[in-house]
Amino acid sequence: MPEGDTVWNTARVLHRALAGARLTASDFRVPQLATTDLAGWTVRESASRGKHLLLRLTAPNASSAPRGAAGTDGVHWTLHSHLRMDGAWRAYAPGERWSGRPAHLIRVVLRSPGAVAVGYHLHDLALVPTAEEDGLVGHLGPDLLGPDWDPAEAVRRLGTHPDQTIGEALLDQRNLAGVGNLYKCEVLFLRGVSPWAPVGAVTDLPGMVSLAQRLLAANRGRWTQSTTGSLHRGQTSYVYGRRAQPCRRCGTAIRKQELGERVTYWCPVCQPERPDAPAPT
């Protein structure tokens, strides 16, 4: 699943391609929006909220709103999408060949005089009044890369479930929005905390959320994610994706184990395990 910095970068790609442009055509390939026509609509901005993408538009007038849609003023709308594990947006120049993904995965095409934006395998695609965005993203915790980032609130939310494992709590977007499996594993390693430790046993939650925010922020604007400071292949992570390879600190073999619905990588020496942790593989 894309991490928050990947979604942030994707939002910036769409913003550079479409912001300020009037759409000349749209093609939705999902049943709920199949008859929606955004030709004549103006793209105001593209933004991210955690792992959600929000393309904000202005309709020419209230009467051009989608048929049967409830709304506020009927003019300001948001096209929401979520990448999940396999979604992607790509921006092309007019006439440029679309490449990289098969055509049957296309869910939406937005055309403007200067660019064509193509959404592949998007999830939770919806067009809602901008004033009602909270219905889609209001449940999220503070966004690590957003203007609302509030570390104290993130710590408070994490602490509301002291018996939950810290590995699962960091992935819960209701606590803090943007951490994915890569950053979960890397933050826990860097803080020397076992993924199976209960939240209530973690002595420095403020330090943990602060580190998570710094790591995501450091990777904004580039597609190669690194927590080590190196951008060389095979050197970008401490534990993530490195099962059976030696720990960069102590040399112990990195282990991999399922935690909840996601796999976790960790060093059993640098991150001492609880006695009741699952047997590693």
Foldseek 3Di string as FASTA:
>chain_A
DDFQLVQQQQQVQCFVQAAQFAWQWKAFDDVVCRPQTRHRKHFHGWGDFQQKIKTKIFGPALVSAPPPADEDRSTIKIWIWGQPPHKHKDKDFVPDDDDDDDPVQWGMWIHTNGIIITIGVIPPTDMHHPVPCCVPVVLFAAELPDPRHDLVQLLVLLVVFQQAFQLVSQCPRSSYGGDDQQLSQQLCLVLLADSRHGNNPDPCSSVSSVLSSVQSVVCRPHDQRAPQPDSDPPHRGQWPPQAQAAGPPPGAGWFWDDDVNDIHIYGCVSHPDDPPDDDTD
